[in-house]
Amino acid sequence: MYSRKYFAGIGLVLAAITMSACSSNNKADNAASMVQPSAPAATPEAAASVQPSASAAPAATDQAAAQPAAGAASEGLPENLPDDFPLPEDAVISVSHSEENEGKKAALLIFKTNESMESVTKTYKDYFADKLGSEAVQTIDEKNLIIQGNSPDNTQVWSVIGGELSAEPGMVELNITWSEL
């Protein structure tokens, strides 16, 4: 199965993608990121046969939001994610993955919400203040939210990375990784 290094690697790749998508103030870059290549419409049969992969995030398109990939948004929260994890009511889940490796549980969750960045930041800052205490490392500004750390008893590791999407004004995307140590 996959190890914590695998999830850490995925988290770092997702962080790089999210940060590059969220932090550009250049109008030319923003306009270029809004252009999407055209592709033939997928048939429902073809869409149903596609299996989500933890190694690649699905493309963010209006069609993908309207019809989630098989096994993605229909699953809800990952089975292994702690039950008290707060999820915005309007969240659209694009990746929901749980696994167990060498007796240690892990989860990956990627979702979008129309809640304001300020509201999302407050929700997760408060949640992780309770979960991680002083063990959390935070980088928070008006466009980005990064909270990472181990639980005080050193049994869990969390990573939350996200921010406003430059291609979708008003939309916030968060990537959550959690695993037992």
N, C-alpha and C. Protein backbone atom coordinates (compact mmCIF):
# COMPACT_ATOMS: atom_id res chain seq x y z
N MET A 1 0.84 -1.19 0.00
CA MET A 1 0.00 0.00 0.00
C MET A 1 0.89 1.25 0.00
N TYR A 2 0.30 2.35 0.30
CA TYR A 2 1.02 3.61 0.25
C TYR A 2 1.51 4.01 1.65
N SER A 3 2.60 4.71 1.70
CA SER A 3 3.15 5.11 2.98
C SER A 3 2.88 6.59 3.23
N ARG A 4 3.28 7.04 4.40
CA ARG A 4 3.14 8.46 4.73
C ARG A 4 3.95 9.31 3.78
N LYS A 5 5.07 8.79 3.31
CA LYS A 5 5.87 9.53 2.35
C LYS A 5 5.08 9.78 1.07
N TYR A 6 4.28 8.81 0.67
CA TYR A 6 3.44 8.95 -0.52
C TYR A 6 2.45 10.09 -0.32
N PHE A 7 1.76 10.11 0.84
CA PHE A 7 0.80 11.18 1.10
C PHE A 7 1.50 12.53 1.24
N ALA A 8 2.68 12.54 1.85
CA ALA A 8 3.42 13.79 1.96
C ALA A 8 3.80 14.30 0.57
N GLY A 9 4.21 13.40 -0.30
CA GLY A 9 4.56 13.78 -1.67
C GLY A 9 3.35 14.33 -2.41
N ILE A 10 2.21 13.65 -2.27
CA ILE A 10 0.99 14.13 -2.91
C ILE A 10 0.62 15.49 -2.35
N GLY A 11 0.73 15.64 -1.04
CA GLY A 11 0.41 16.92 -0.41
C GLY A 11 1.27 18.05 -0.93
N LEU A 12 2.56 17.79 -1.09
CA LEU A 12 3.46 18.82 -1.60
C LEU A 12 3.14 19.17 -3.04
N VAL A 13 2.84 18.19 -3.87
CA VAL A 13 2.48 18.46 -5.26
C VAL A 13 1.19 19.27 -5.32
N LEU A 14 0.20 18.87 -4.52
CA LEU A 14 -1.06 19.61 -4.50
C LEU A 14 -0.86 21.02 -3.97
N ALA A 15 0.03 21.18 -3.00
CA ALA A 15 0.32 22.51 -2.48
C ALA A 15 0.93 23.38 -3.57
N ALA A 16 1.86 22.84 -4.32
CA ALA A 16 2.49 23.61 -5.39
C ALA A 16 1.47 24.01 -6.45
N ILE A 17 0.59 23.08 -6.80
CA ILE A 17 -0.44 23.38 -7.80
C ILE A 17 -1.39 24.44 -7.27
N THR A 18 -1.85 24.27 -6.04
CA THR A 18 -2.78 25.21 -5.45
C THR A 18 -2.16 26.59 -5.32
N MET A 19 -0.95 26.64 -4.83
CA MET A 19 -0.29 27.93 -4.65
C MET A 19 -0.07 28.63 -5.98
N SER A 20 0.29 27.90 -7.01
CA SER A 20 0.50 28.54 -8.31
C SER A 20 -0.82 29.00 -8.91
N ALA A 21 -1.90 28.31 -8.61
CA ALA A 21 -3.21 28.69 -9.15
C ALA A 21 -3.83 29.84 -8.37
N CYS A 22 -3.45 30.01 -7.12
CA CYS A 22 -4.12 30.98 -6.26
C CYS A 22 -3.41 32.31 -6.13
N SER A 23 -2.13 32.37 -6.37
CA SER A 23 -1.40 33.54 -5.94
C SER A 23 -0.94 34.48 -7.04
N SER A 24 -1.42 34.35 -8.25
CA SER A 24 -0.99 35.23 -9.32
C SER A 24 -1.82 36.50 -9.33
N ASN A 25 -1.17 37.67 -9.29
CA ASN A 25 -1.85 38.95 -9.41
C ASN A 25 -1.75 39.50 -10.82
N ASN A 26 -1.04 38.84 -11.69
CA ASN A 26 -0.84 39.28 -13.06
C ASN A 26 -2.10 39.01 -13.86
N LYS A 27 -2.73 40.09 -14.42
CA LYS A 27 -3.97 39.94 -15.18
C LYS A 27 -3.79 39.02 -16.38
N ALA A 28 -2.64 39.09 -17.06
CA ALA A 28 -2.40 38.23 -18.22
C ALA A 28 -2.37 36.76 -17.80
N ASP A 29 -1.75 36.48 -16.65
CA ASP A 29 -1.71 35.10 -16.15
C ASP A 29 -3.12 34.63 -15.80
N ASN A 30 -3.91 35.51 -15.15
CA ASN A 30 -5.26 35.13 -14.78
C ASN A 30 -6.12 34.87 -16.00
N ALA A 31 -5.99 35.71 -17.03
CA ALA A 31 -6.78 35.51 -18.24
C ALA A 31 -6.38 34.22 -18.94
N ALA A 32 -5.09 33.94 -18.97
CA ALA A 32 -4.62 32.71 -19.62
C ALA A 32 -5.09 31.48 -18.88
N SER A 33 -5.19 31.56 -17.54
CA SER A 33 -5.61 30.39 -16.78
C SER A 33 -7.09 30.11 -16.93
N MET A 34 -7.87 31.11 -17.39
CA MET A 34 -9.30 30.92 -17.57
C MET A 34 -9.62 30.22 -18.89
N VAL A 35 -8.68 30.23 -19.83
CA VAL A 35 -8.90 29.58 -21.12
C VAL A 35 -8.76 28.08 -20.93
N GLN A 36 -9.79 27.36 -21.34
CA GLN A 36 -9.76 25.91 -21.19
C GLN A 36 -9.82 25.29 -22.57
N PRO A 37 -9.01 24.28 -22.82
CA PRO A 37 -9.06 23.63 -24.13
C PRO A 37 -10.40 22.94 -24.32
N SER A 38 -10.87 22.94 -25.57
CA SER A 38 -12.14 22.26 -25.83
C SER A 38 -11.86 20.79 -26.09
N ALA A 39 -12.79 19.98 -25.66
CA ALA A 39 -12.66 18.54 -25.84
C ALA A 39 -14.04 17.98 -26.12
N PRO A 40 -14.12 16.87 -26.83
CA PRO A 40 -15.44 16.28 -27.07
C PRO A 40 -16.08 15.88 -25.75
N ALA A 41 -17.39 16.01 -25.70
CA ALA A 41 -18.13 15.66 -24.49
C ALA A 41 -18.02 14.16 -24.25
N ALA A 42 -17.78 13.81 -23.00
CA ALA A 42 -17.66 12.39 -22.64
C ALA A 42 -19.06 11.79 -22.51
N THR A 43 -19.19 10.56 -22.93
CA THR A 43 -20.47 9.87 -22.78
C THR A 43 -20.62 9.43 -21.34
N PRO A 44 -21.86 9.28 -20.86
CA PRO A 44 -22.03 8.82 -19.47
C PRO A 44 -21.36 7.48 -19.22
N GLU A 45 -21.35 6.59 -20.23
CA GLU A 45 -20.71 5.29 -20.05
C GLU A 45 -19.21 5.45 -19.85
N ALA A 46 -18.60 6.35 -20.63
CA ALA A 46 -17.15 6.56 -20.50
C ALA A 46 -16.83 7.20 -19.16
N ALA A 47 -17.66 8.15 -18.73
CA ALA A 47 -17.42 8.81 -17.45
C ALA A 47 -17.55 7.83 -16.30
N ALA A 48 -18.49 6.89 -16.40
CA ALA A 48 -18.69 5.91 -15.33
C ALA A 48 -17.53 4.93 -15.23
N SER A 49 -16.82 4.70 -16.34
CA SER A 49 -15.73 3.74 -16.30
C SER A 49 -14.42 4.33 -15.81
N VAL A 50 -14.36 5.65 -15.64
CA VAL A 50 -13.14 6.30 -15.18
C VAL A 50 -13.01 6.10 -13.69
N GLN A 51 -11.87 5.62 -13.25
CA GLN A 51 -11.61 5.42 -11.83
C GLN A 51 -10.74 6.57 -11.33
N PRO A 52 -11.09 7.24 -10.20
CA PRO A 52 -10.25 8.32 -9.69
C PRO A 52 -8.91 7.78 -9.21
N SER A 53 -7.90 8.59 -9.34
CA SER A 53 -6.55 8.21 -8.93
C SER A 53 -6.06 9.17 -7.87
N ALA A 54 -5.45 8.65 -6.82
CA ALA A 54 -4.92 9.51 -5.77
C ALA A 54 -3.68 10.25 -6.23
N SER A 55 -3.07 9.83 -7.34
CA SER A 55 -1.84 10.46 -7.78
C SER A 55 -2.07 11.64 -8.69
N ALA A 56 -3.29 11.88 -9.13
CA ALA A 56 -3.56 13.00 -10.01
C ALA A 56 -4.90 13.62 -9.65
N ALA A 57 -4.93 14.94 -9.50
CA ALA A 57 -6.17 15.63 -9.19
C ALA A 57 -6.99 15.78 -10.47
N PRO A 58 -8.31 15.63 -10.39
CA PRO A 58 -9.13 15.77 -11.57
C PRO A 58 -9.15 17.21 -12.07
N ALA A 59 -9.40 17.38 -13.36
CA ALA A 59 -9.46 18.71 -13.94
C ALA A 59 -10.67 19.43 -13.37
N ALA A 60 -10.51 20.72 -13.08
CA ALA A 60 -11.58 21.51 -12.51
C ALA A 60 -12.34 22.20 -13.63
N THR A 61 -13.47 21.65 -14.02
CA THR A 61 -14.29 22.25 -15.06
C THR A 61 -15.72 22.32 -14.56
N ASP A 62 -16.54 23.11 -15.25
CA ASP A 62 -17.95 23.20 -14.89
C ASP A 62 -18.62 21.84 -15.05
N GLN A 63 -18.24 21.11 -16.09
CA GLN A 63 -18.82 19.80 -16.33
C GLN A 63 -18.46 18.83 -15.20
N ALA A 64 -17.23 18.90 -14.72
CA ALA A 64 -16.80 18.03 -13.63
C ALA A 64 -17.57 18.34 -12.36
N ALA A 65 -17.87 19.63 -12.12
CA ALA A 65 -18.63 20.00 -10.93
C ALA A 65 -20.07 19.53 -11.06
N ALA A 66 -20.62 19.56 -12.27
CA ALA A 66 -22.00 19.15 -12.48
C ALA A 66 -22.15 17.63 -12.39
N GLN A 67 -21.17 16.88 -12.92
CA GLN A 67 -21.21 15.43 -12.89
C GLN A 67 -19.89 14.91 -12.35
N PRO A 68 -19.81 14.65 -11.03
CA PRO A 68 -18.55 14.18 -10.47
C PRO A 68 -18.15 12.82 -11.03
N ALA A 69 -16.85 12.57 -11.03
CA ALA A 69 -16.33 11.28 -11.51
C ALA A 69 -16.83 10.17 -10.61
N ALA A 70 -16.90 8.99 -11.14
CA ALA A 70 -17.37 7.85 -10.38
C ALA A 70 -16.51 7.65 -9.14
N GLY A 71 -17.15 7.51 -7.98
CA GLY A 71 -16.42 7.25 -6.75
C GLY A 71 -15.81 8.48 -6.12
N ALA A 72 -16.10 9.68 -6.60
CA ALA A 72 -15.49 10.87 -6.03
C ALA A 72 -16.48 11.56 -5.10
N ALA A 73 -17.23 12.54 -5.60
CA ALA A 73 -18.11 13.34 -4.76
C ALA A 73 -19.24 12.52 -4.16
N SER A 74 -19.61 11.44 -4.79
CA SER A 74 -20.71 10.64 -4.27
C SER A 74 -20.33 9.95 -2.96
N GLU A 75 -19.07 9.85 -2.67
CA GLU A 75 -18.61 9.16 -1.47
C GLU A 75 -18.72 10.01 -0.21
N GLY A 76 -18.70 11.32 -0.31
CA GLY A 76 -18.70 12.17 0.86
C GLY A 76 -17.31 12.19 1.49
N LEU A 77 -17.27 12.38 2.79
CA LEU A 77 -15.99 12.44 3.48
C LEU A 77 -15.29 11.09 3.45
N PRO A 78 -13.95 11.11 3.41
CA PRO A 78 -13.22 9.83 3.46
C PRO A 78 -13.56 9.09 4.75
N GLU A 79 -13.65 7.79 4.66
CA GLU A 79 -14.02 6.95 5.80
C GLU A 79 -13.08 7.17 6.99
N ASN A 80 -11.80 7.32 6.73
CA ASN A 80 -10.82 7.42 7.82
C ASN A 80 -10.66 8.82 8.39
N LEU A 81 -11.25 9.83 7.77
CA LEU A 81 -11.13 11.20 8.29
C LEU A 81 -11.92 11.27 9.60
N PRO A 82 -11.36 11.90 10.64
CA PRO A 82 -12.08 11.98 11.92
C PRO A 82 -13.49 12.54 11.74
N ASP A 83 -14.44 11.99 12.50
CA ASP A 83 -15.86 12.33 12.37
C ASP A 83 -16.17 13.79 12.64
N ASP A 84 -15.36 14.46 13.45
CA ASP A 84 -15.66 15.84 13.80
C ASP A 84 -15.10 16.85 12.79
N PHE A 85 -14.57 16.39 11.66
CA PHE A 85 -14.00 17.31 10.67
C PHE A 85 -15.09 18.20 10.08
N PRO A 86 -14.91 19.54 10.14
CA PRO A 86 -15.93 20.45 9.62
C PRO A 86 -15.86 20.57 8.10
N LEU A 87 -16.99 20.44 7.44
CA LEU A 87 -17.07 20.57 5.99
C LEU A 87 -18.16 21.60 5.68
N PRO A 88 -17.85 22.62 4.87
CA PRO A 88 -18.89 23.61 4.52
C PRO A 88 -20.10 22.92 3.89
N GLU A 89 -21.29 23.47 4.14
CA GLU A 89 -22.52 22.86 3.63
C GLU A 89 -22.54 22.78 2.11
N ASP A 90 -21.92 23.76 1.43
CA ASP A 90 -21.96 23.80 -0.03
C ASP A 90 -20.74 23.13 -0.67
N ALA A 91 -19.97 22.40 0.11
CA ALA A 91 -18.73 21.79 -0.40
C ALA A 91 -19.02 20.82 -1.54
N VAL A 92 -18.19 20.93 -2.59
CA VAL A 92 -18.24 19.99 -3.71
C VAL A 92 -16.94 19.20 -3.65
N ILE A 93 -17.04 17.93 -3.31
CA ILE A 93 -15.87 17.08 -3.13
C ILE A 93 -15.41 16.53 -4.47
N SER A 94 -14.13 16.74 -4.78
CA SER A 94 -13.58 16.21 -6.03
C SER A 94 -12.73 14.97 -5.79
N VAL A 95 -12.11 14.85 -4.61
CA VAL A 95 -11.33 13.67 -4.27
C VAL A 95 -11.64 13.30 -2.82
N SER A 96 -11.96 12.05 -2.60
CA SER A 96 -12.23 11.52 -1.27
C SER A 96 -11.60 10.13 -1.22
N HIS A 97 -10.51 10.00 -0.46
CA HIS A 97 -9.75 8.75 -0.49
C HIS A 97 -9.31 8.37 0.93
N SER A 98 -9.52 7.12 1.29
CA SER A 98 -9.05 6.57 2.56
C SER A 98 -8.27 5.30 2.29
N GLU A 99 -7.31 5.04 3.16
CA GLU A 99 -6.58 3.78 3.05
C GLU A 99 -5.93 3.46 4.39
N GLU A 100 -5.45 2.24 4.49
CA GLU A 100 -4.73 1.80 5.67
C GLU A 100 -3.47 1.09 5.20
N ASN A 101 -2.33 1.47 5.78
CA ASN A 101 -1.05 0.91 5.40
C ASN A 101 -0.27 0.59 6.67
N GLU A 102 0.12 -0.64 6.82
CA GLU A 102 0.86 -1.09 8.00
C GLU A 102 0.12 -0.73 9.29
N GLY A 103 -1.20 -0.85 9.26
CA GLY A 103 -2.01 -0.58 10.43
C GLY A 103 -2.28 0.89 10.70
N LYS A 104 -1.79 1.77 9.87
CA LYS A 104 -1.99 3.21 10.05
C LYS A 104 -3.00 3.71 9.02
N LYS A 105 -4.00 4.45 9.49
CA LYS A 105 -5.03 4.99 8.61
C LYS A 105 -4.57 6.32 8.03
N ALA A 106 -5.08 6.62 6.82
CA ALA A 106 -4.77 7.88 6.16
C ALA A 106 -5.97 8.30 5.32
N ALA A 107 -6.08 9.61 5.07
CA ALA A 107 -7.18 10.14 4.26
C ALA A 107 -6.71 11.34 3.46
N LEU A 108 -7.31 11.49 2.28
CA LEU A 108 -7.07 12.64 1.40
C LEU A 108 -8.43 13.17 0.98
N LEU A 109 -8.63 14.48 1.11
CA LEU A 109 -9.88 15.12 0.74
C LEU A 109 -9.57 16.41 0.01
N ILE A 110 -10.17 16.59 -1.16
CA ILE A 110 -10.06 17.84 -1.90
C ILE A 110 -11.48 18.29 -2.20
N PHE A 111 -11.78 19.55 -1.84
CA PHE A 111 -13.12 20.06 -2.10
C PHE A 111 -13.07 21.55 -2.41
N LYS A 112 -14.18 22.04 -2.98
CA LYS A 112 -14.36 23.46 -3.28
C LYS A 112 -15.58 23.95 -2.53
N THR A 113 -15.57 25.24 -2.18
CA THR A 113 -16.71 25.86 -1.52
C THR A 113 -16.84 27.31 -1.99
N ASN A 114 -18.06 27.83 -1.92
CA ASN A 114 -18.31 29.23 -2.23
C ASN A 114 -18.24 30.11 -0.98
N GLU A 115 -17.97 29.51 0.18
CA GLU A 115 -17.82 30.31 1.39
C GLU A 115 -16.65 31.27 1.21
N SER A 116 -16.70 32.40 1.89
CA SER A 116 -15.62 33.38 1.76
C SER A 116 -14.32 32.82 2.34
N MET A 117 -13.21 33.32 1.83
CA MET A 117 -11.91 32.89 2.33
C MET A 117 -11.80 33.19 3.83
N GLU A 118 -12.35 34.30 4.25
CA GLU A 118 -12.32 34.69 5.66
C GLU A 118 -13.06 33.66 6.53
N SER A 119 -14.23 33.24 6.08
CA SER A 119 -15.02 32.26 6.82
C SER A 119 -14.33 30.89 6.87
N VAL A 120 -13.79 30.46 5.72
CA VAL A 120 -13.09 29.17 5.65
C VAL A 120 -11.86 29.20 6.56
N THR A 121 -11.12 30.29 6.51
CA THR A 121 -9.92 30.42 7.34
C THR A 121 -10.27 30.34 8.82
N LYS A 122 -11.32 31.05 9.24
CA LYS A 122 -11.72 31.02 10.65
C LYS A 122 -12.13 29.60 11.07
N THR A 123 -12.93 28.94 10.24
CA THR A 123 -13.39 27.58 10.56
C THR A 123 -12.21 26.65 10.81
N TYR A 124 -11.26 26.62 9.88
CA TYR A 124 -10.16 25.66 10.00
C TYR A 124 -9.08 26.12 10.97
N LYS A 125 -8.91 27.41 11.14
CA LYS A 125 -7.95 27.89 12.14
C LYS A 125 -8.43 27.48 13.54
N ASP A 126 -9.73 27.64 13.80
CA ASP A 126 -10.30 27.24 15.09
C ASP A 126 -10.24 25.72 15.28
N TYR A 127 -10.59 24.97 14.24
CA TYR A 127 -10.59 23.50 14.32
C TYR A 127 -9.18 22.98 14.63
N PHE A 128 -8.19 23.51 13.92
CA PHE A 128 -6.83 23.00 14.11
C PHE A 128 -6.15 23.58 15.35
N ALA A 129 -6.63 24.69 15.87
CA ALA A 129 -6.13 25.16 17.16
C ALA A 129 -6.49 24.13 18.23
N ASP A 130 -7.68 23.54 18.10
CA ASP A 130 -8.12 22.51 19.04
C ASP A 130 -7.38 21.19 18.80
N LYS A 131 -7.21 20.79 17.53
CA LYS A 131 -6.60 19.50 17.18
C LYS A 131 -5.08 19.49 17.36
N LEU A 132 -4.42 20.57 16.95
CA LEU A 132 -2.96 20.58 16.92
C LEU A 132 -2.33 21.45 18.00
N GLY A 133 -3.10 22.35 18.58
CA GLY A 133 -2.55 23.23 19.61
C GLY A 133 -1.39 24.05 19.09
N SER A 134 -0.35 24.14 19.87
CA SER A 134 0.83 24.93 19.49
C SER A 134 1.73 24.19 18.51
N GLU A 135 1.39 22.96 18.17
CA GLU A 135 2.21 22.16 17.25
C GLU A 135 1.97 22.54 15.78
N ALA A 136 0.98 23.38 15.50
CA ALA A 136 0.64 23.73 14.11
C ALA A 136 1.56 24.82 13.57
N VAL A 137 1.88 24.67 12.29
CA VAL A 137 2.60 25.71 11.55
C VAL A 137 1.59 26.30 10.59
N GLN A 138 1.41 27.63 10.65
CA GLN A 138 0.38 28.27 9.84
C GLN A 138 0.96 29.34 8.95
N THR A 139 0.47 29.38 7.71
CA THR A 139 0.74 30.48 6.79
C THR A 139 -0.63 30.89 6.27
N ILE A 140 -1.09 32.05 6.71
CA ILE A 140 -2.43 32.49 6.38
C ILE A 140 -2.37 33.93 5.89
N ASP A 141 -2.99 34.18 4.72
CA ASP A 141 -3.16 35.54 4.23
C ASP A 141 -4.52 35.61 3.54
N GLU A 142 -4.81 36.73 2.86
CA GLU A 142 -6.14 36.90 2.26
C GLU A 142 -6.42 35.94 1.11
N LYS A 143 -5.40 35.31 0.54
CA LYS A 143 -5.59 34.42 -0.60
C LYS A 143 -5.24 32.96 -0.32
N ASN A 144 -4.49 32.69 0.73
CA ASN A 144 -3.97 31.34 0.96
C ASN A 144 -4.13 30.91 2.41
N LEU A 145 -4.29 29.61 2.58
CA LEU A 145 -4.41 29.02 3.90
C LEU A 145 -3.56 27.75 3.92
N ILE A 146 -2.57 27.73 4.81
CA ILE A 146 -1.75 26.54 4.98
C ILE A 146 -1.63 26.29 6.48
N ILE A 147 -2.07 25.12 6.91
CA ILE A 147 -1.94 24.70 8.31
C ILE A 147 -1.42 23.28 8.29
N GLN A 148 -0.29 23.06 8.96
CA GLN A 148 0.30 21.73 8.99
C GLN A 148 0.82 21.45 10.39
N GLY A 149 0.79 20.18 10.79
CA GLY A 149 1.37 19.84 12.07
C GLY A 149 0.93 18.50 12.59
N ASN A 150 1.56 18.12 13.70
CA ASN A 150 1.25 16.87 14.39
C ASN A 150 0.39 17.19 15.60
N SER A 151 -0.43 16.23 16.00
CA SER A 151 -1.23 16.40 17.21
C SER A 151 -0.30 16.45 18.41
N PRO A 152 -0.73 17.08 19.52
CA PRO A 152 0.14 17.18 20.70
C PRO A 152 0.62 15.82 21.22
N ASP A 153 -0.20 14.77 21.07
CA ASP A 153 0.22 13.44 21.52
C ASP A 153 1.00 12.68 20.45
N ASN A 154 1.27 13.35 19.34
CA ASN A 154 2.08 12.81 18.23
C ASN A 154 1.51 11.52 17.65
N THR A 155 0.16 11.46 17.55
CA THR A 155 -0.48 10.29 16.96
C THR A 155 -1.09 10.57 15.59
N GLN A 156 -1.20 11.86 15.22
CA GLN A 156 -1.81 12.24 13.95
C GLN A 156 -0.99 13.35 13.30
N VAL A 157 -1.02 13.38 11.98
CA VAL A 157 -0.41 14.48 11.24
C VAL A 157 -1.46 15.02 10.27
N TRP A 158 -1.56 16.35 10.21
CA TRP A 158 -2.54 17.03 9.37
C TRP A 158 -1.84 17.99 8.42
N SER A 159 -2.45 18.19 7.27
CA SER A 159 -2.01 19.21 6.33
C SER A 159 -3.25 19.76 5.62
N VAL A 160 -3.43 21.08 5.69
CA VAL A 160 -4.52 21.76 5.00
C VAL A 160 -3.88 22.84 4.15
N ILE A 161 -4.11 22.75 2.85
CA ILE A 161 -3.52 23.71 1.92
C ILE A 161 -4.60 24.14 0.96
N GLY A 162 -4.73 25.44 0.76
CA GLY A 162 -5.74 25.90 -0.19
C GLY A 162 -5.82 27.40 -0.27
N GLY A 163 -6.81 27.85 -1.01
CA GLY A 163 -7.02 29.27 -1.18
C GLY A 163 -8.02 29.53 -2.28
N GLU A 164 -8.19 30.82 -2.58
CA GLU A 164 -9.10 31.22 -3.64
C GLU A 164 -8.53 30.82 -4.98
N LEU A 165 -9.40 30.36 -5.86
CA LEU A 165 -8.99 29.96 -7.21
C LEU A 165 -9.05 31.18 -8.12
N SER A 166 -7.94 31.50 -8.77
CA SER A 166 -7.92 32.66 -9.65
C SER A 166 -8.80 32.45 -10.87
N ALA A 167 -8.98 31.21 -11.31
CA ALA A 167 -9.81 30.92 -12.48
C ALA A 167 -11.30 30.91 -12.14
N GLU A 168 -11.62 30.82 -10.85
CA GLU A 168 -13.02 30.78 -10.42
C GLU A 168 -13.19 31.75 -9.25
N PRO A 169 -13.37 33.05 -9.54
CA PRO A 169 -13.51 34.04 -8.46
C PRO A 169 -14.62 33.66 -7.48
N GLY A 170 -14.33 33.81 -6.20
CA GLY A 170 -15.29 33.48 -5.16
C GLY A 170 -15.28 32.02 -4.75
N MET A 171 -14.49 31.20 -5.41
CA MET A 171 -14.42 29.77 -5.11
C MET A 171 -13.13 29.50 -4.34
N VAL A 172 -13.24 28.77 -3.25
CA VAL A 172 -12.09 28.38 -2.43
C VAL A 172 -11.93 26.87 -2.55
N GLU A 173 -10.69 26.42 -2.77
CA GLU A 173 -10.40 24.99 -2.83
C GLU A 173 -9.43 24.64 -1.72
N LEU A 174 -9.71 23.54 -1.02
CA LEU A 174 -8.83 23.06 0.05
C LEU A 174 -8.44 21.61 -0.19
N ASN A 175 -7.18 21.31 0.12
CA ASN A 175 -6.62 19.96 0.05
C ASN A 175 -6.28 19.55 1.48
N ILE A 176 -6.90 18.49 1.96
CA ILE A 176 -6.72 18.03 3.33
C ILE A 176 -6.05 16.66 3.29
N THR A 177 -4.95 16.50 4.03
CA THR A 177 -4.37 15.18 4.21
C THR A 177 -4.28 14.92 5.71
N TRP A 178 -4.58 13.71 6.09
CA TRP A 178 -4.54 13.29 7.49
C TRP A 178 -4.02 11.87 7.54
N SER A 179 -3.19 11.59 8.53
CA SER A 179 -2.76 10.20 8.74
C SER A 179 -2.38 9.98 10.19
N GLU A 180 -2.45 8.73 10.58
CA GLU A 180 -1.99 8.34 11.90
C GLU A 180 -0.49 8.15 11.85
N LEU A 181 0.17 8.46 12.95
CA LEU A 181 1.62 8.25 13.04
C LEU A 181 1.92 6.95 13.75
